[in-house]
Amino acid sequence: MDGYRLYFDHFFRAEMVNNPDASIDPGSNKDVTNWGDGGTIRWRHLGNKSANFLFVDGHVEPRGYNKRNNTCEIKRRNICVNRINDWPPSKAYSY
């Protein structure tokens, strides 16, 4: 996802993203036949212009894809996480 930036650039860490409102790299939008071609989004709904996304809080919503300019409605702020500074925790937490 996002052009494999898990391994370079922002590493999916929010503090390393230059433009959080930029569209992620939406990928090639084609069915894959092996694991090596995976890791991209298949925009298969609404005539190959939309995909459903599950968010951490449990809700699902569709997001669009624009083939003309190779952008989508998923922003970098949607996929990057904040770093936990106190990890591992210095004290025990009780729930």
C-alpha atoms as a PDB file:
ATOM      1  CA  MET A   1       0.000   0.000   0.000  1.00  0.00           C
ATOM      2  CA  ASP A   2       1.122   3.548  -0.800  1.00  0.00           C
ATOM      3  CA  GLY A   3       3.836   2.341  -3.119  1.00  0.00           C
ATOM      4  CA  TYR A   4       5.395   0.038  -0.486  1.00  0.00           C
ATOM      5  CA  ARG A   5       6.363   3.029   1.696  1.00  0.00           C
ATOM      6  CA  LEU A   6       6.355   0.689   4.683  1.00  0.00           C
ATOM      7  CA  TYR A   7       9.988   0.016   3.740  1.00  0.00           C
ATOM      8  CA  PHE A   8      11.149   3.587   2.941  1.00  0.00           C
ATOM      9  CA  ASP A   9      10.053   7.241   3.031  1.00  0.00           C
ATOM     10  CA  HIS A  10       7.461   7.606   5.843  1.00  0.00           C
ATOM     11  CA  PHE A  11       7.364   3.953   7.076  1.00  0.00           C
ATOM     12  CA  PHE A  12       3.639   4.531   7.897  1.00  0.00           C
ATOM     13  CA  ARG A  13       4.684   6.764  10.830  1.00  0.00           C
ATOM     14  CA  ALA A  14       2.640   9.961  11.101  1.00  0.00           C
ATOM     15  CA  GLU A  15       5.523  12.145  12.284  1.00  0.00           C
ATOM     16  CA  MET A  16       7.483  11.337   9.111  1.00  0.00           C
ATOM     17  CA  VAL A  17       4.764  12.318   6.606  1.00  0.00           C
ATOM     18  CA  ASN A  18       5.413  15.601   4.807  1.00  0.00           C
ATOM     19  CA  ASN A  19       1.886  16.047   3.473  1.00  0.00           C
ATOM     20  CA  PRO A  20      -0.731  14.082   5.438  1.00  0.00           C
ATOM     21  CA  ASP A  21      -3.519  15.230   3.115  1.00  0.00           C
ATOM     22  CA  ALA A  22      -1.829  13.810   0.003  1.00  0.00           C
ATOM     23  CA  SER A  23      -3.409  10.834  -1.703  1.00  0.00           C
ATOM     24  CA  ILE A  24      -1.669   7.529  -1.195  1.00  0.00           C
ATOM     25  CA  ASP A  25      -0.361   5.697  -4.241  1.00  0.00           C
ATOM     26  CA  PRO A  26      -3.516   3.784  -5.249  1.00  0.00           C
ATOM     27  CA  GLY A  27      -1.611   1.023  -7.014  1.00  0.00           C
ATOM     28  CA  SER A  28      -2.237  -0.716 -10.315  1.00  0.00           C
ATOM     29  CA  ASN A  29      -5.915  -1.622  -9.711  1.00  0.00           C
ATOM     30  CA  LYS A  30      -5.696  -5.098 -11.170  1.00  0.00           C
ATOM     31  CA  ASP A  31      -6.274  -8.596  -9.874  1.00  0.00           C
ATOM     32  CA  VAL A  32      -3.079 -10.300  -8.758  1.00  0.00           C
ATOM     33  CA  THR A  33      -2.176 -13.875  -9.536  1.00  0.00           C
ATOM     34  CA  ASN A  34       0.607 -14.406  -6.994  1.00  0.00           C
ATOM     35  CA  TRP A  35       1.824 -13.063  -3.646  1.00  0.00           C
ATOM     36  CA  GLY A  36       4.634 -11.053  -5.214  1.00  0.00           C
ATOM     37  CA  ASP A  37       2.161  -8.769  -6.968  1.00  0.00           C
ATOM     38  CA  GLY A  38       0.004  -8.250  -3.874  1.00  0.00           C
ATOM     39  CA  GLY A  39      -0.031  -5.346  -1.448  1.00  0.00           C
ATOM     40  CA  THR A  40      -2.063  -2.995  -3.597  1.00  0.00           C
ATOM     41  CA  ILE A  41      -5.707  -2.001  -3.477  1.00  0.00           C
ATOM     42  CA  ARG A  42      -8.187  -3.513  -5.911  1.00  0.00           C
ATOM     43  CA  TRP A  43     -10.737  -0.799  -6.686  1.00  0.00           C
ATOM     44  CA  ARG A  44     -13.462  -3.192  -7.841  1.00  0.00           C
ATOM     45  CA  HIS A  45     -16.722  -1.414  -6.908  1.00  0.00           C
ATOM     46  CA  LEU A  46     -18.681   1.137  -8.987  1.00  0.00           C
ATOM     47  CA  GLY A  47     -16.956   0.225 -12.225  1.00  0.00           C
ATOM     48  CA  ASN A  48     -13.425  -0.010 -10.769  1.00  0.00           C
ATOM     49  CA  LYS A  49     -13.713   3.393  -9.085  1.00  0.00           C
ATOM     50  CA  SER A  50     -14.248   2.502  -5.422  1.00  0.00           C
ATOM     51  CA  ALA A  51     -13.188   0.150  -2.623  1.00  0.00           C
ATOM     52  CA  ASN A  52     -14.457  -0.446   0.915  1.00  0.00           C
ATOM     53  CA  PHE A  53     -12.091   0.256   3.827  1.00  0.00           C
ATOM     54  CA  LEU A  54     -12.251  -1.004   7.393  1.00  0.00           C
ATOM     55  CA  PHE A  55     -11.107   1.565   9.962  1.00  0.00           C
ATOM     56  CA  VAL A  56      -9.606   0.799  13.363  1.00  0.00           C
ATOM     57  CA  ASP A  57     -12.743   1.929  15.195  1.00  0.00           C
ATOM     58  CA  GLY A  58     -14.700  -0.773  13.340  1.00  0.00           C
ATOM     59  CA  HIS A  59     -16.622   1.268  10.780  1.00  0.00           C
ATOM     60  CA  VAL A  60     -16.403   0.629   7.045  1.00  0.00           C
ATOM     61  CA  GLU A  61     -16.774   3.220   4.320  1.00  0.00           C
ATOM     62  CA  PRO A  62     -16.163   3.367   0.583  1.00  0.00           C
ATOM     63  CA  ARG A  63     -13.409   5.538  -0.834  1.00  0.00           C
ATOM     64  CA  GLY A  64     -13.030   6.539  -4.465  1.00  0.00           C
ATOM     65  CA  TYR A  65     -10.281   6.109  -7.063  1.00  0.00           C
ATOM     66  CA  ASN A  66      -9.513   8.499  -9.936  1.00  0.00           C
ATOM     67  CA  LYS A  67      -7.782   6.639 -12.755  1.00  0.00           C
ATOM     68  CA  ARG A  68      -7.211   9.787 -14.802  1.00  0.00           C
ATOM     69  CA  ASN A  69      -4.756  11.346 -12.340  1.00  0.00           C
ATOM     70  CA  ASN A  70      -3.946   8.139 -10.381  1.00  0.00           C
ATOM     71  CA  THR A  71      -5.174   9.445  -7.021  1.00  0.00           C
ATOM     72  CA  CYS A  72      -7.692   8.255  -4.461  1.00  0.00           C
ATOM     73  CA  GLU A  73      -9.652   9.429  -1.439  1.00  0.00           C
ATOM     74  CA  ILE A  74      -7.408   7.552   0.998  1.00  0.00           C
ATOM     75  CA  LYS A  75      -5.006  10.098   2.451  1.00  0.00           C
ATOM     76  CA  ARG A  76      -1.698   9.401   4.149  1.00  0.00           C
ATOM     77  CA  ARG A  77      -3.271  10.521   7.431  1.00  0.00           C
ATOM     78  CA  ASN A  78      -5.660   7.536   7.092  1.00  0.00           C
ATOM     79  CA  ILE A  79      -2.910   4.904   7.022  1.00  0.00           C
ATOM     80  CA  CYS A  80      -0.098   6.330   9.174  1.00  0.00           C
ATOM     81  CA  VAL A  81       0.055   5.863  12.933  1.00  0.00           C
ATOM     82  CA  ASN A  82       1.414   7.925  15.796  1.00  0.00           C
ATOM     83  CA  ARG A  83       4.505   6.624  17.502  1.00  0.00           C
ATOM     84  CA  ILE A  84       4.185   5.447  21.086  1.00  0.00           C
ATOM     85  CA  ASN A  85       7.037   7.120  22.969  1.00  0.00           C
ATOM     86  CA  ASP A  86       6.699   5.038  26.114  1.00  0.00           C
ATOM     87  CA  TRP A  87       7.098   1.583  24.619  1.00  0.00           C
ATOM     88  CA  PRO A  88       7.503  -0.808  26.198  1.00  0.00           C
ATOM     89  CA  PRO A  89       5.581   0.799  29.065  1.00  0.00           C
ATOM     90  CA  SER A  90       7.752   1.770  31.999  1.00  0.00           C
ATOM     91  CA  LYS A  91       4.991   0.836  34.451  1.00  0.00           C
ATOM     92  CA  ALA A  92       2.326  -1.816  34.564  1.00  0.00           C
ATOM     93  CA  TYR A  93      -1.123  -0.787  33.416  1.00  0.00           C
ATOM     94  CA  SER A  94      -4.284  -2.149  34.956  1.00  0.00           C
ATOM     95  CA  TYR A  95      -7.495  -2.334  32.975  1.00  0.00           C
END
